[in-house]
Amino acid sequence: MQNKELESAKRPLSHAELTDIIDLCLWAGQMLLQQGANSLRVEESVHRLGTGLGCEWLDIVVRTESLTITASSGGEFRTKTRRVVRLGVNMWRITAVNDLSRHIAAGQIDRFQARAELERIDAQPGEYNRWLIAVMVGLACAAFSQLFGGDWPVLR
């Protein structure tokens, strides 16, 4: 069967199922945006997640401060928006959510397992050690200083 035939063979989702799936998609997209993923990565991962869980189609609008998703199934659609309130960088979380979306698209994970996995990903400590951040920022500043003609004797 081709992919389009599989899409049309999906059974229509109930109101509760569609609502649950769009909430999972928003949660995954919010995590991606909060951790520094680009808009294309967010759109692709969220679309894979939603269609893998049974939606016929998703329209996704990614902005710096919010995410809006319209999901459809069986002629019904739901639109929801979620704000992104804090931003950071955590490549592990981006990779984990992206991998989850690929497993869902492959049919290896259902929506209940997806929720449990998103809870596990979200519960992981997200902050890097403050001393590590300070050292890395210092090294970055030193590198920029060298790029712009700075010299080590200035430190004496």
N, C-alpha and C. Protein backbone atom coordinates (compact mmCIF):
# COMPACT_ATOMS: atom_id res chain seq x y z
N MET A 1 0.83 -1.18 0.00
CA MET A 1 0.00 0.00 0.00
C MET A 1 0.88 1.24 0.00
N GLN A 2 0.50 2.22 -0.76
CA GLN A 2 1.27 3.46 -0.78
C GLN A 2 0.85 4.34 0.39
N ASN A 3 1.66 5.36 0.66
CA ASN A 3 1.43 6.24 1.80
C ASN A 3 0.07 6.93 1.72
N LYS A 4 -0.34 7.39 0.54
CA LYS A 4 -1.63 8.07 0.40
C LYS A 4 -2.79 7.11 0.70
N GLU A 5 -2.63 5.85 0.31
CA GLU A 5 -3.66 4.86 0.61
C GLU A 5 -3.75 4.62 2.11
N LEU A 6 -2.59 4.61 2.78
CA LEU A 6 -2.59 4.45 4.23
C LEU A 6 -3.27 5.62 4.90
N GLU A 7 -3.00 6.84 4.41
CA GLU A 7 -3.61 8.04 4.98
C GLU A 7 -5.13 7.95 4.90
N SER A 8 -5.65 7.54 3.73
CA SER A 8 -7.10 7.49 3.56
C SER A 8 -7.72 6.33 4.32
N ALA A 9 -6.93 5.30 4.67
CA ALA A 9 -7.44 4.15 5.38
C ALA A 9 -7.55 4.39 6.89
N LYS A 10 -7.05 5.51 7.39
CA LYS A 10 -7.12 5.80 8.82
C LYS A 10 -8.57 5.98 9.23
N ARG A 11 -8.91 5.43 10.39
CA ARG A 11 -10.26 5.62 10.90
C ARG A 11 -10.37 7.02 11.49
N PRO A 12 -11.55 7.63 11.40
CA PRO A 12 -11.73 8.96 11.98
C PRO A 12 -11.54 8.91 13.50
N LEU A 13 -10.90 9.92 14.02
CA LEU A 13 -10.67 10.00 15.46
C LEU A 13 -11.88 10.61 16.15
N SER A 14 -12.12 10.20 17.38
CA SER A 14 -13.18 10.81 18.17
C SER A 14 -12.73 12.20 18.61
N HIS A 15 -13.68 12.98 19.12
CA HIS A 15 -13.36 14.32 19.62
C HIS A 15 -12.28 14.24 20.70
N ALA A 16 -12.43 13.29 21.64
CA ALA A 16 -11.48 13.15 22.74
C ALA A 16 -10.10 12.74 22.22
N GLU A 17 -10.05 11.81 21.26
CA GLU A 17 -8.77 11.38 20.70
C GLU A 17 -8.08 12.53 19.97
N LEU A 18 -8.83 13.27 19.18
CA LEU A 18 -8.26 14.39 18.43
C LEU A 18 -7.73 15.46 19.39
N THR A 19 -8.50 15.73 20.45
CA THR A 19 -8.06 16.71 21.45
C THR A 19 -6.79 16.24 22.15
N ASP A 20 -6.73 14.96 22.51
CA ASP A 20 -5.55 14.41 23.18
C ASP A 20 -4.33 14.48 22.27
N ILE A 21 -4.50 14.14 21.01
CA ILE A 21 -3.38 14.15 20.07
C ILE A 21 -2.88 15.57 19.83
N ILE A 22 -3.79 16.53 19.69
CA ILE A 22 -3.33 17.90 19.47
C ILE A 22 -2.62 18.44 20.71
N ASP A 23 -3.06 18.01 21.90
CA ASP A 23 -2.36 18.41 23.13
C ASP A 23 -0.95 17.82 23.16
N LEU A 24 -0.81 16.55 22.75
CA LEU A 24 0.52 15.94 22.69
C LEU A 24 1.41 16.66 21.68
N CYS A 25 0.84 17.01 20.54
CA CYS A 25 1.60 17.73 19.51
C CYS A 25 2.05 19.10 20.01
N LEU A 26 1.16 19.81 20.70
CA LEU A 26 1.52 21.12 21.25
C LEU A 26 2.61 20.99 22.30
N TRP A 27 2.52 19.97 23.15
CA TRP A 27 3.51 19.76 24.19
C TRP A 27 4.87 19.46 23.57
N ALA A 28 4.90 18.57 22.59
CA ALA A 28 6.17 18.25 21.92
C ALA A 28 6.73 19.47 21.21
N GLY A 29 5.89 20.21 20.50
CA GLY A 29 6.34 21.41 19.80
C GLY A 29 6.84 22.47 20.75
N GLN A 30 6.15 22.63 21.88
CA GLN A 30 6.58 23.60 22.88
C GLN A 30 7.95 23.22 23.43
N MET A 31 8.15 21.94 23.72
CA MET A 31 9.46 21.50 24.21
C MET A 31 10.55 21.79 23.19
N LEU A 32 10.27 21.50 21.93
CA LEU A 32 11.26 21.76 20.88
C LEU A 32 11.60 23.24 20.79
N LEU A 33 10.57 24.10 20.78
CA LEU A 33 10.82 25.54 20.69
C LEU A 33 11.57 26.06 21.91
N GLN A 34 11.19 25.59 23.09
CA GLN A 34 11.84 26.06 24.31
C GLN A 34 13.31 25.67 24.37
N GLN A 35 13.67 24.60 23.69
CA GLN A 35 15.05 24.13 23.76
C GLN A 35 15.90 24.55 22.57
N GLY A 36 15.35 25.41 21.70
CA GLY A 36 16.16 26.00 20.65
C GLY A 36 16.04 25.37 19.28
N ALA A 37 15.06 24.50 19.06
CA ALA A 37 14.89 23.90 17.73
C ALA A 37 14.41 24.96 16.73
N ASN A 38 14.84 24.84 15.49
CA ASN A 38 14.38 25.79 14.47
C ASN A 38 12.95 25.45 14.05
N SER A 39 12.30 26.38 13.37
CA SER A 39 10.88 26.21 13.05
C SER A 39 10.64 25.03 12.12
N LEU A 40 11.54 24.76 11.19
CA LEU A 40 11.37 23.61 10.30
C LEU A 40 11.40 22.31 11.08
N ARG A 41 12.33 22.18 12.02
CA ARG A 41 12.42 20.98 12.86
C ARG A 41 11.14 20.81 13.66
N VAL A 42 10.61 21.90 14.21
CA VAL A 42 9.37 21.83 14.99
C VAL A 42 8.22 21.37 14.10
N GLU A 43 8.07 21.99 12.93
CA GLU A 43 6.98 21.62 12.02
C GLU A 43 7.06 20.15 11.62
N GLU A 44 8.24 19.70 11.20
CA GLU A 44 8.39 18.32 10.74
C GLU A 44 8.12 17.32 11.86
N SER A 45 8.68 17.56 13.03
CA SER A 45 8.51 16.62 14.15
C SER A 45 7.06 16.57 14.60
N VAL A 46 6.43 17.73 14.73
CA VAL A 46 5.04 17.78 15.18
C VAL A 46 4.12 17.13 14.14
N HIS A 47 4.39 17.39 12.87
CA HIS A 47 3.56 16.79 11.82
C HIS A 47 3.68 15.27 11.83
N ARG A 48 4.91 14.77 11.96
CA ARG A 48 5.14 13.32 12.04
C ARG A 48 4.40 12.73 13.24
N LEU A 49 4.49 13.42 14.38
CA LEU A 49 3.85 12.93 15.59
C LEU A 49 2.33 12.86 15.41
N GLY A 50 1.73 13.93 14.91
CA GLY A 50 0.27 13.98 14.76
C GLY A 50 -0.27 12.99 13.75
N THR A 51 0.36 12.93 12.59
CA THR A 51 -0.13 11.99 11.57
C THR A 51 0.17 10.55 11.98
N GLY A 52 1.26 10.34 12.70
CA GLY A 52 1.57 9.00 13.20
C GLY A 52 0.58 8.50 14.23
N LEU A 53 -0.04 9.44 14.96
CA LEU A 53 -1.04 9.07 15.97
C LEU A 53 -2.46 9.01 15.41
N GLY A 54 -2.63 9.31 14.12
CA GLY A 54 -3.94 9.10 13.53
C GLY A 54 -4.60 10.29 12.87
N CYS A 55 -4.04 11.49 13.00
CA CYS A 55 -4.63 12.65 12.34
C CYS A 55 -4.42 12.53 10.83
N GLU A 56 -5.41 13.00 10.08
CA GLU A 56 -5.25 12.99 8.63
C GLU A 56 -4.27 14.06 8.19
N TRP A 57 -4.31 15.22 8.84
CA TRP A 57 -3.44 16.32 8.46
C TRP A 57 -3.29 17.29 9.61
N LEU A 58 -2.15 17.98 9.64
CA LEU A 58 -1.92 19.05 10.61
C LEU A 58 -1.40 20.27 9.89
N ASP A 59 -1.94 21.43 10.24
CA ASP A 59 -1.37 22.70 9.82
C ASP A 59 -0.71 23.30 11.05
N ILE A 60 0.54 23.69 10.91
CA ILE A 60 1.32 24.13 12.05
C ILE A 60 1.89 25.50 11.75
N VAL A 61 1.67 26.44 12.67
CA VAL A 61 2.24 27.78 12.56
C VAL A 61 3.18 27.95 13.74
N VAL A 62 4.46 28.16 13.43
CA VAL A 62 5.48 28.30 14.46
C VAL A 62 5.93 29.75 14.52
N ARG A 63 5.85 30.32 15.70
CA ARG A 63 6.38 31.66 15.95
C ARG A 63 7.35 31.57 17.11
N THR A 64 8.11 32.61 17.30
CA THR A 64 9.09 32.60 18.38
C THR A 64 8.43 32.40 19.73
N GLU A 65 7.26 33.01 19.93
CA GLU A 65 6.63 32.98 21.24
C GLU A 65 5.41 32.07 21.32
N SER A 66 5.03 31.41 20.23
CA SER A 66 3.84 30.55 20.29
C SER A 66 3.84 29.51 19.17
N LEU A 67 2.95 28.55 19.35
CA LEU A 67 2.78 27.46 18.40
C LEU A 67 1.28 27.26 18.23
N THR A 68 0.80 27.25 16.98
CA THR A 68 -0.62 27.02 16.69
C THR A 68 -0.73 25.81 15.78
N ILE A 69 -1.61 24.89 16.17
CA ILE A 69 -1.79 23.66 15.40
C ILE A 69 -3.26 23.46 15.11
N THR A 70 -3.56 23.16 13.85
CA THR A 70 -4.90 22.72 13.46
C THR A 70 -4.76 21.27 13.00
N ALA A 71 -5.50 20.38 13.66
CA ALA A 71 -5.47 18.96 13.32
C ALA A 71 -6.83 18.55 12.79
N SER A 72 -6.83 17.68 11.78
CA SER A 72 -8.10 17.23 11.21
C SER A 72 -8.15 15.71 11.12
N SER A 73 -9.38 15.21 11.26
CA SER A 73 -9.63 13.78 11.13
C SER A 73 -11.11 13.57 10.88
N GLY A 74 -11.43 12.84 9.84
CA GLY A 74 -12.82 12.51 9.54
C GLY A 74 -13.72 13.71 9.36
N GLY A 75 -13.21 14.77 8.77
CA GLY A 75 -14.01 15.97 8.55
C GLY A 75 -14.09 16.89 9.75
N GLU A 76 -13.60 16.47 10.90
CA GLU A 76 -13.56 17.30 12.10
C GLU A 76 -12.18 17.93 12.21
N PHE A 77 -12.12 19.10 12.83
CA PHE A 77 -10.82 19.71 13.07
C PHE A 77 -10.82 20.43 14.40
N ARG A 78 -9.64 20.58 14.95
CA ARG A 78 -9.43 21.31 16.20
C ARG A 78 -8.22 22.20 16.00
N THR A 79 -8.32 23.41 16.54
CA THR A 79 -7.20 24.35 16.50
C THR A 79 -6.89 24.78 17.92
N LYS A 80 -5.62 24.72 18.28
CA LYS A 80 -5.18 25.16 19.60
C LYS A 80 -3.85 25.91 19.46
N THR A 81 -3.64 26.80 20.40
CA THR A 81 -2.39 27.58 20.45
C THR A 81 -1.77 27.41 21.82
N ARG A 82 -0.45 27.37 21.86
CA ARG A 82 0.25 27.33 23.13
C ARG A 82 1.40 28.33 23.10
N ARG A 83 1.53 29.07 24.18
CA ARG A 83 2.63 30.04 24.31
C ARG A 83 3.91 29.35 24.72
N VAL A 84 5.01 29.92 24.28
CA VAL A 84 6.33 29.47 24.70
C VAL A 84 6.89 30.57 25.58
N VAL A 85 7.05 30.27 26.86
CA VAL A 85 7.39 31.33 27.81
C VAL A 85 8.86 31.41 28.16
N ARG A 86 9.58 30.33 28.06
CA ARG A 86 11.01 30.41 28.36
C ARG A 86 11.79 29.74 27.25
N LEU A 87 12.93 30.30 26.97
CA LEU A 87 13.77 29.77 25.90
C LEU A 87 15.11 29.33 26.47
N GLY A 88 15.68 28.33 25.87
CA GLY A 88 16.99 27.85 26.28
C GLY A 88 17.57 27.01 25.16
N VAL A 89 18.58 26.25 25.50
CA VAL A 89 19.17 25.34 24.53
C VAL A 89 19.44 24.02 25.24
N ASN A 90 18.87 22.95 24.70
CA ASN A 90 19.13 21.62 25.21
C ASN A 90 18.99 20.65 24.05
N MET A 91 20.10 20.32 23.43
CA MET A 91 20.08 19.48 22.25
C MET A 91 19.62 18.06 22.56
N TRP A 92 19.83 17.60 23.80
CA TRP A 92 19.38 16.26 24.16
C TRP A 92 17.85 16.18 24.04
N ARG A 93 17.15 17.18 24.56
CA ARG A 93 15.68 17.17 24.49
C ARG A 93 15.20 17.26 23.05
N ILE A 94 15.84 18.10 22.25
CA ILE A 94 15.44 18.21 20.84
C ILE A 94 15.58 16.85 20.16
N THR A 95 16.70 16.18 20.39
CA THR A 95 16.93 14.87 19.80
C THR A 95 15.92 13.84 20.30
N ALA A 96 15.63 13.87 21.60
CA ALA A 96 14.70 12.90 22.18
C ALA A 96 13.29 13.06 21.61
N VAL A 97 12.81 14.30 21.49
CA VAL A 97 11.47 14.53 20.94
C VAL A 97 11.44 14.17 19.46
N ASN A 98 12.49 14.52 18.73
CA ASN A 98 12.56 14.18 17.31
C ASN A 98 12.56 12.65 17.11
N ASP A 99 13.34 11.94 17.93
CA ASP A 99 13.37 10.48 17.85
C ASP A 99 11.99 9.89 18.18
N LEU A 100 11.33 10.46 19.18
CA LEU A 100 9.99 10.01 19.55
C LEU A 100 9.04 10.15 18.37
N SER A 101 9.10 11.29 17.68
CA SER A 101 8.20 11.50 16.54
C SER A 101 8.47 10.48 15.43
N ARG A 102 9.72 10.09 15.25
CA ARG A 102 10.05 9.09 14.23
C ARG A 102 9.52 7.70 14.62
N HIS A 103 9.61 7.36 15.91
CA HIS A 103 9.07 6.07 16.37
C HIS A 103 7.55 6.03 16.23
N ILE A 104 6.91 7.15 16.51
CA ILE A 104 5.45 7.23 16.36
C ILE A 104 5.06 7.08 14.90
N ALA A 105 5.77 7.78 14.02
CA ALA A 105 5.47 7.70 12.58
C ALA A 105 5.66 6.28 12.05
N ALA A 106 6.58 5.54 12.65
CA ALA A 106 6.83 4.16 12.23
C ALA A 106 5.81 3.19 12.84
N GLY A 107 4.91 3.70 13.67
CA GLY A 107 3.87 2.86 14.27
C GLY A 107 4.34 2.06 15.47
N GLN A 108 5.47 2.43 16.06
CA GLN A 108 6.02 1.68 17.19
C GLN A 108 5.48 2.13 18.54
N ILE A 109 4.86 3.32 18.57
CA ILE A 109 4.39 3.90 19.84
C ILE A 109 2.99 4.45 19.65
N ASP A 110 2.09 4.17 20.62
CA ASP A 110 0.74 4.73 20.56
C ASP A 110 0.69 6.02 21.38
N ARG A 111 -0.48 6.65 21.44
CA ARG A 111 -0.55 7.97 22.09
C ARG A 111 -0.34 7.89 23.60
N PHE A 112 -0.68 6.76 24.22
CA PHE A 112 -0.49 6.62 25.66
C PHE A 112 0.99 6.47 25.99
N GLN A 113 1.69 5.69 25.19
CA GLN A 113 3.14 5.55 25.35
C GLN A 113 3.83 6.88 25.02
N ALA A 114 3.30 7.60 24.04
CA ALA A 114 3.89 8.90 23.66
C ALA A 114 3.79 9.88 24.82
N ARG A 115 2.63 9.90 25.50
CA ARG A 115 2.47 10.79 26.65
C ARG A 115 3.47 10.43 27.75
N ALA A 116 3.62 9.14 28.02
CA ALA A 116 4.58 8.71 29.05
C ALA A 116 6.00 9.10 28.66
N GLU A 117 6.34 8.96 27.40
CA GLU A 117 7.69 9.32 26.94
C GLU A 117 7.92 10.82 27.01
N LEU A 118 6.91 11.62 26.65
CA LEU A 118 7.05 13.08 26.77
C LEU A 118 7.20 13.49 28.23
N GLU A 119 6.49 12.81 29.13
CA GLU A 119 6.64 13.09 30.56
C GLU A 119 8.06 12.78 31.02
N ARG A 120 8.61 11.66 30.54
CA ARG A 120 9.98 11.28 30.90
C ARG A 120 10.99 12.30 30.38
N ILE A 121 10.82 12.72 29.13
CA ILE A 121 11.73 13.70 28.53
C ILE A 121 11.64 15.02 29.29
N ASP A 122 10.43 15.45 29.60
CA ASP A 122 10.22 16.73 30.29
C ASP A 122 10.77 16.71 31.71
N ALA A 123 10.79 15.53 32.35
CA ALA A 123 11.26 15.42 33.73
C ALA A 123 12.78 15.44 33.85
N GLN A 124 13.48 15.24 32.75
CA GLN A 124 14.95 15.24 32.80
C GLN A 124 15.46 16.63 33.15
N PRO A 125 16.50 16.69 33.97
CA PRO A 125 17.05 18.01 34.28
C PRO A 125 17.51 18.70 32.99
N GLY A 126 17.08 19.93 32.82
CA GLY A 126 17.35 20.62 31.57
C GLY A 126 18.46 21.64 31.63
N GLU A 127 18.88 21.97 32.79
CA GLU A 127 19.87 23.03 32.92
C GLU A 127 21.28 22.45 32.96
N TYR A 128 22.17 23.14 32.28
CA TYR A 128 23.57 22.77 32.37
C TYR A 128 24.13 23.38 33.65
N ASN A 129 25.18 22.77 34.17
CA ASN A 129 25.85 23.26 35.36
C ASN A 129 26.29 24.71 35.15
N ARG A 130 26.05 25.57 36.14
CA ARG A 130 26.38 27.00 36.00
C ARG A 130 27.87 27.24 35.79
N TRP A 131 28.72 26.43 36.43
CA TRP A 131 30.16 26.60 36.24
C TRP A 131 30.56 26.24 34.81
N LEU A 132 29.95 25.23 34.27
CA LEU A 132 30.23 24.85 32.89
C LEU A 132 29.81 25.98 31.95
N ILE A 133 28.66 26.57 32.20
CA ILE A 133 28.19 27.69 31.38
C ILE A 133 29.17 28.85 31.46
N ALA A 134 29.62 29.19 32.67
CA ALA A 134 30.55 30.31 32.84
C ALA A 134 31.86 30.07 32.09
N VAL A 135 32.39 28.86 32.19
CA VAL A 135 33.65 28.52 31.50
C VAL A 135 33.45 28.59 29.99
N MET A 136 32.36 28.04 29.49
CA MET A 136 32.11 28.03 28.04
C MET A 136 31.88 29.45 27.50
N VAL A 137 31.19 30.28 28.25
CA VAL A 137 31.00 31.67 27.83
C VAL A 137 32.34 32.39 27.81
N GLY A 138 33.18 32.14 28.80
CA GLY A 138 34.52 32.74 28.83
C GLY A 138 35.35 32.31 27.63
N LEU A 139 35.30 31.03 27.30
CA LEU A 139 36.04 30.54 26.13
C LEU A 139 35.50 31.15 24.84
N ALA A 140 34.19 31.28 24.74
CA ALA A 140 33.60 31.89 23.55
C ALA A 140 34.03 33.35 23.42
N CYS A 141 34.05 34.07 24.53
CA CYS A 141 34.49 35.47 24.50
C CYS A 141 35.96 35.58 24.10
N ALA A 142 36.79 34.68 24.63
CA ALA A 142 38.20 34.68 24.25
C ALA A 142 38.37 34.39 22.76
N ALA A 143 37.59 33.47 22.24
CA ALA A 143 37.66 33.14 20.81
C ALA A 143 37.25 34.34 19.96
N PHE A 144 36.17 35.02 20.35
CA PHE A 144 35.76 36.21 19.60
C PHE A 144 36.82 37.31 19.69
N SER A 145 37.44 37.43 20.84
CA SER A 145 38.51 38.42 21.00
C SER A 145 39.65 38.14 20.01
N GLN A 146 40.02 36.88 19.89
CA GLN A 146 41.07 36.50 18.94
C GLN A 146 40.64 36.78 17.50
N LEU A 147 39.38 36.49 17.18
CA LEU A 147 38.88 36.74 15.83
C LEU A 147 38.94 38.22 15.45
N PHE A 148 38.71 39.08 16.44
CA PHE A 148 38.67 40.52 16.16
C PHE A 148 39.99 41.22 16.48
N GLY A 149 41.07 40.44 16.60
CA GLY A 149 42.39 41.04 16.73
C GLY A 149 42.85 41.25 18.16
N GLY A 150 42.14 40.72 19.12
CA GLY A 150 42.57 40.83 20.51
C GLY A 150 43.82 39.99 20.74
N ASP A 151 44.50 40.23 21.86
CA ASP A 151 45.74 39.53 22.13
C ASP A 151 45.78 39.17 23.60
N TRP A 152 46.48 38.09 23.92
CA TRP A 152 46.56 37.63 25.30
C TRP A 152 47.30 38.61 26.20
N PRO A 153 48.33 39.35 25.75
CA PRO A 153 49.02 40.28 26.66
C PRO A 153 48.09 41.33 27.26
N VAL A 154 46.93 41.55 26.69
CA VAL A 154 45.98 42.52 27.24
C VAL A 154 45.56 42.10 28.64
N LEU A 155 45.61 40.83 28.93
CA LEU A 155 45.16 40.32 30.22
C LEU A 155 46.15 40.61 31.34
N ARG A 156 47.37 40.98 31.04
CA ARG A 156 48.38 41.23 32.09
C ARG A 156 48.18 42.52 32.80
